[in-house]
Amino acid sequence: MSYTIFWSKTAEIDYIKNIDFLLETWYEKQALDFIDAVNKHLNLISNNPKIFALTDYYNVRSVLIVKQIRLFYRILDDNSVELIRFWNNYQNPNKLKF
């Protein structure tokens, strides 16, 4: 059984900002590598959402997408997953909000 993945508005914004940053600061290849890494992890989550560890936040799991970016998500009751945030690990963790 495959789980449906929903993107929160915040996750969408984070994702786009990360791609924009890579395109502005690095090269298209790095942006494409990030997109590929996200798609790979979303496929894993869709097939087995409990594959990645729970965090200290209630019902929230996380996975390191690339060295700098961590994805936070939660499993919903209706065989779906909500992507919450793509968090840059260089930011102050005290500012992480869901």
N, C-alpha and C. Protein backbone atom coordinates (compact mmCIF):
# COMPACT_ATOMS: atom_id res chain seq x y z
N MET A 1 0.84 -1.18 0.00
CA MET A 1 0.00 0.00 0.00
C MET A 1 0.89 1.25 0.00
N SER A 2 0.51 2.18 -0.81
CA SER A 2 1.26 3.43 -0.91
C SER A 2 0.48 4.55 -0.22
N TYR A 3 1.19 5.38 0.52
CA TYR A 3 0.58 6.50 1.22
C TYR A 3 0.56 7.73 0.31
N THR A 4 -0.50 8.50 0.42
CA THR A 4 -0.60 9.76 -0.32
C THR A 4 0.18 10.83 0.43
N ILE A 5 0.92 11.63 -0.31
CA ILE A 5 1.72 12.68 0.30
C ILE A 5 1.09 14.04 0.01
N PHE A 6 0.88 14.80 1.08
CA PHE A 6 0.37 16.16 0.99
C PHE A 6 1.46 17.13 1.45
N TRP A 7 1.56 18.25 0.78
CA TRP A 7 2.53 19.28 1.12
C TRP A 7 1.83 20.39 1.87
N SER A 8 2.33 20.75 3.04
CA SER A 8 1.83 21.94 3.73
C SER A 8 2.31 23.15 2.94
N LYS A 9 1.65 24.26 3.12
CA LYS A 9 2.07 25.49 2.44
C LYS A 9 3.50 25.85 2.84
N THR A 10 3.83 25.67 4.11
CA THR A 10 5.18 25.96 4.60
C THR A 10 6.21 25.07 3.92
N ALA A 11 5.91 23.79 3.76
CA ALA A 11 6.84 22.87 3.09
C ALA A 11 7.05 23.29 1.64
N GLU A 12 5.98 23.69 0.97
CA GLU A 12 6.09 24.16 -0.42
C GLU A 12 7.01 25.37 -0.51
N ILE A 13 6.80 26.32 0.39
CA ILE A 13 7.61 27.55 0.39
C ILE A 13 9.07 27.22 0.69
N ASP A 14 9.31 26.39 1.70
CA ASP A 14 10.68 25.98 2.04
C ASP A 14 11.37 25.32 0.85
N TYR A 15 10.67 24.43 0.20
CA TYR A 15 11.20 23.68 -0.94
C TYR A 15 11.62 24.64 -2.06
N ILE A 16 10.73 25.52 -2.40
CA ILE A 16 11.01 26.49 -3.48
C ILE A 16 12.16 27.41 -3.09
N LYS A 17 12.18 27.87 -1.85
CA LYS A 17 13.27 28.74 -1.40
C LYS A 17 14.62 28.03 -1.48
N ASN A 18 14.65 26.75 -1.13
CA ASN A 18 15.90 25.99 -1.21
C ASN A 18 16.37 25.85 -2.65
N ILE A 19 15.45 25.58 -3.55
CA ILE A 19 15.81 25.47 -4.97
C ILE A 19 16.29 26.82 -5.49
N ASP A 20 15.57 27.89 -5.16
CA ASP A 20 15.98 29.23 -5.59
C ASP A 20 17.38 29.56 -5.07
N PHE A 21 17.65 29.24 -3.81
CA PHE A 21 18.97 29.50 -3.23
C PHE A 21 20.05 28.75 -4.00
N LEU A 22 19.81 27.48 -4.30
CA LEU A 22 20.79 26.69 -5.03
C LEU A 22 21.04 27.25 -6.43
N LEU A 23 19.98 27.69 -7.08
CA LEU A 23 20.13 28.25 -8.42
C LEU A 23 20.87 29.59 -8.40
N GLU A 24 20.64 30.38 -7.37
CA GLU A 24 21.29 31.68 -7.27
C GLU A 24 22.74 31.59 -6.81
N THR A 25 23.03 30.65 -5.91
CA THR A 25 24.33 30.57 -5.27
C THR A 25 25.25 29.54 -5.90
N TRP A 26 24.69 28.46 -6.39
CA TRP A 26 25.48 27.38 -6.94
C TRP A 26 25.18 27.21 -8.42
N TYR A 27 24.84 26.01 -8.79
CA TYR A 27 24.59 25.70 -10.20
C TYR A 27 23.30 24.91 -10.33
N GLU A 28 22.82 24.82 -11.54
CA GLU A 28 21.60 24.05 -11.81
C GLU A 28 21.75 22.60 -11.36
N LYS A 29 22.94 22.04 -11.51
CA LYS A 29 23.18 20.66 -11.11
C LYS A 29 22.86 20.43 -9.64
N GLN A 30 23.26 21.36 -8.76
CA GLN A 30 22.98 21.20 -7.33
C GLN A 30 21.48 21.27 -7.06
N ALA A 31 20.78 22.13 -7.78
CA ALA A 31 19.32 22.21 -7.62
C ALA A 31 18.67 20.91 -8.08
N LEU A 32 19.12 20.39 -9.21
CA LEU A 32 18.57 19.13 -9.71
C LEU A 32 18.90 17.96 -8.79
N ASP A 33 20.10 17.97 -8.22
CA ASP A 33 20.48 16.92 -7.26
C ASP A 33 19.57 16.97 -6.02
N PHE A 34 19.26 18.19 -5.55
CA PHE A 34 18.37 18.34 -4.40
C PHE A 34 16.98 17.82 -4.75
N ILE A 35 16.46 18.19 -5.91
CA ILE A 35 15.14 17.73 -6.34
C ILE A 35 15.11 16.21 -6.42
N ASP A 36 16.16 15.62 -6.99
CA ASP A 36 16.23 14.15 -7.08
C ASP A 36 16.26 13.51 -5.70
N ALA A 37 17.02 14.10 -4.78
CA ALA A 37 17.10 13.55 -3.42
C ALA A 37 15.74 13.63 -2.72
N VAL A 38 15.03 14.74 -2.91
CA VAL A 38 13.69 14.87 -2.32
C VAL A 38 12.78 13.80 -2.90
N ASN A 39 12.77 13.65 -4.21
CA ASN A 39 11.90 12.65 -4.85
C ASN A 39 12.22 11.23 -4.38
N LYS A 40 13.49 10.93 -4.23
CA LYS A 40 13.90 9.60 -3.73
C LYS A 40 13.35 9.36 -2.33
N HIS A 41 13.49 10.36 -1.46
CA HIS A 41 13.01 10.20 -0.08
C HIS A 41 11.49 10.17 -0.01
N LEU A 42 10.82 10.94 -0.86
CA LEU A 42 9.35 10.92 -0.87
C LEU A 42 8.84 9.56 -1.31
N ASN A 43 9.53 8.93 -2.24
CA ASN A 43 9.16 7.59 -2.67
C ASN A 43 9.30 6.60 -1.51
N LEU A 44 10.39 6.70 -0.76
CA LEU A 44 10.58 5.83 0.41
C LEU A 44 9.49 6.07 1.45
N ILE A 45 9.19 7.34 1.71
CA ILE A 45 8.17 7.68 2.70
C ILE A 45 6.80 7.19 2.26
N SER A 46 6.50 7.34 0.99
CA SER A 46 5.20 6.91 0.46
C SER A 46 5.00 5.40 0.64
N ASN A 47 6.06 4.64 0.47
CA ASN A 47 5.97 3.19 0.58
C ASN A 47 6.08 2.67 2.01
N ASN A 48 6.76 3.43 2.87
CA ASN A 48 6.93 3.01 4.26
C ASN A 48 7.17 4.26 5.12
N PRO A 49 6.11 4.95 5.51
CA PRO A 49 6.28 6.23 6.21
C PRO A 49 6.96 6.14 7.57
N LYS A 50 7.01 4.96 8.14
CA LYS A 50 7.68 4.82 9.45
C LYS A 50 9.16 4.52 9.31
N ILE A 51 9.68 4.58 8.11
CA ILE A 51 11.08 4.24 7.85
C ILE A 51 12.06 5.18 8.56
N PHE A 52 11.67 6.44 8.75
CA PHE A 52 12.57 7.41 9.37
C PHE A 52 12.15 7.69 10.81
N ALA A 53 13.10 8.14 11.59
CA ALA A 53 12.95 8.25 13.04
C ALA A 53 11.96 9.33 13.48
N LEU A 54 11.31 9.04 14.59
CA LEU A 54 10.48 10.05 15.26
C LEU A 54 11.39 11.11 15.87
N THR A 55 10.88 12.32 15.95
CA THR A 55 11.61 13.42 16.58
C THR A 55 11.05 13.63 17.98
N ASP A 56 11.52 14.66 18.64
CA ASP A 56 10.98 15.03 19.95
C ASP A 56 9.64 15.74 19.84
N TYR A 57 9.25 16.10 18.63
CA TYR A 57 7.95 16.73 18.40
C TYR A 57 6.90 15.64 18.22
N TYR A 58 5.74 15.84 18.80
CA TYR A 58 4.69 14.82 18.78
C TYR A 58 4.34 14.39 17.36
N ASN A 59 4.45 13.09 17.09
CA ASN A 59 4.05 12.47 15.84
C ASN A 59 4.78 13.04 14.62
N VAL A 60 5.96 13.60 14.82
CA VAL A 60 6.72 14.17 13.71
C VAL A 60 7.98 13.35 13.50
N ARG A 61 8.22 12.99 12.25
CA ARG A 61 9.41 12.25 11.85
C ARG A 61 10.29 13.16 11.02
N SER A 62 11.55 12.77 10.87
CA SER A 62 12.44 13.58 10.04
C SER A 62 13.44 12.70 9.31
N VAL A 63 13.93 13.25 8.21
CA VAL A 63 14.94 12.58 7.40
C VAL A 63 15.87 13.65 6.83
N LEU A 64 17.15 13.33 6.81
CA LEU A 64 18.13 14.21 6.21
C LEU A 64 18.09 14.00 4.70
N ILE A 65 17.70 15.05 3.98
CA ILE A 65 17.60 14.97 2.52
C ILE A 65 18.98 15.14 1.89
N VAL A 66 19.64 16.20 2.26
CA VAL A 66 21.04 16.46 1.91
C VAL A 66 21.68 16.98 3.20
N LYS A 67 22.98 17.13 3.19
CA LYS A 67 23.68 17.51 4.42
C LYS A 67 23.08 18.75 5.09
N GLN A 68 22.58 19.68 4.29
CA GLN A 68 22.11 20.95 4.83
C GLN A 68 20.60 21.00 5.11
N ILE A 69 19.83 20.07 4.56
CA ILE A 69 18.37 20.16 4.61
C ILE A 69 17.76 18.90 5.21
N ARG A 70 16.89 19.10 6.19
CA ARG A 70 16.15 18.02 6.83
C ARG A 70 14.66 18.21 6.55
N LEU A 71 13.99 17.13 6.21
CA LEU A 71 12.54 17.14 5.99
C LEU A 71 11.84 16.65 7.24
N PHE A 72 10.83 17.40 7.69
CA PHE A 72 9.96 16.99 8.78
C PHE A 72 8.59 16.64 8.21
N TYR A 73 8.02 15.53 8.68
CA TYR A 73 6.72 15.10 8.18
C TYR A 73 5.97 14.35 9.27
N ARG A 74 4.66 14.18 9.04
CA ARG A 74 3.86 13.40 9.99
C ARG A 74 2.95 12.45 9.21
N ILE A 75 2.69 11.32 9.83
CA ILE A 75 1.77 10.34 9.27
C ILE A 75 0.38 10.68 9.77
N LEU A 76 -0.56 10.80 8.84
CA LEU A 76 -1.94 11.09 9.20
C LEU A 76 -2.72 9.79 9.30
N ASP A 77 -3.90 9.84 9.86
CA ASP A 77 -4.69 8.63 10.12
C ASP A 77 -5.28 7.98 8.87
N ASP A 78 -5.34 8.70 7.79
CA ASP A 78 -6.04 8.21 6.60
C ASP A 78 -5.10 7.73 5.49
N ASN A 79 -4.04 7.03 5.87
CA ASN A 79 -3.06 6.53 4.90
C ASN A 79 -2.46 7.64 4.06
N SER A 80 -2.16 8.74 4.74
CA SER A 80 -1.51 9.85 4.06
C SER A 80 -0.42 10.42 4.94
N VAL A 81 0.44 11.18 4.32
CA VAL A 81 1.58 11.80 4.99
C VAL A 81 1.55 13.29 4.67
N GLU A 82 1.82 14.11 5.68
CA GLU A 82 1.90 15.54 5.47
C GLU A 82 3.36 15.98 5.62
N LEU A 83 3.88 16.62 4.58
CA LEU A 83 5.21 17.22 4.66
C LEU A 83 5.05 18.54 5.39
N ILE A 84 5.85 18.76 6.43
CA ILE A 84 5.68 19.93 7.28
C ILE A 84 6.70 21.02 6.94
N ARG A 85 7.98 20.67 6.94
CA ARG A 85 9.04 21.66 6.71
C ARG A 85 10.23 21.01 6.02
N PHE A 86 10.90 21.78 5.20
CA PHE A 86 12.25 21.49 4.74
C PHE A 86 13.12 22.48 5.49
N TRP A 87 13.88 22.01 6.46
CA TRP A 87 14.59 22.88 7.39
C TRP A 87 16.08 22.90 7.08
N ASN A 88 16.63 24.09 6.93
CA ASN A 88 18.07 24.25 6.73
C ASN A 88 18.75 24.05 8.09
N ASN A 89 19.62 23.06 8.17
CA ASN A 89 20.26 22.69 9.43
C ASN A 89 21.19 23.76 9.99
N TYR A 90 21.53 24.76 9.18
CA TYR A 90 22.40 25.83 9.66
C TYR A 90 21.63 26.92 10.39
N GLN A 91 20.31 26.83 10.37
CA GLN A 91 19.48 27.80 11.09
C GLN A 91 19.44 27.46 12.58
N ASN A 92 19.08 28.42 13.36
CA ASN A 92 18.93 28.23 14.80
C ASN A 92 17.78 27.24 15.05
N PRO A 93 18.05 26.09 15.66
CA PRO A 93 16.98 25.10 15.89
C PRO A 93 15.87 25.61 16.80
N ASN A 94 16.17 26.61 17.62
CA ASN A 94 15.13 27.18 18.48
C ASN A 94 14.07 27.94 17.69
N LYS A 95 14.36 28.24 16.44
CA LYS A 95 13.41 28.98 15.59
C LYS A 95 12.55 28.04 14.75
N LEU A 96 12.77 26.75 14.89
CA LEU A 96 11.98 25.78 14.12
C LEU A 96 10.55 25.78 14.62
N LYS A 97 9.63 26.08 13.73
CA LYS A 97 8.19 26.11 14.04
C LYS A 97 7.44 25.28 13.02
N PHE A 98 6.40 24.63 13.50
CA PHE A 98 5.55 23.83 12.60
C PHE A 98 4.21 24.51 12.45
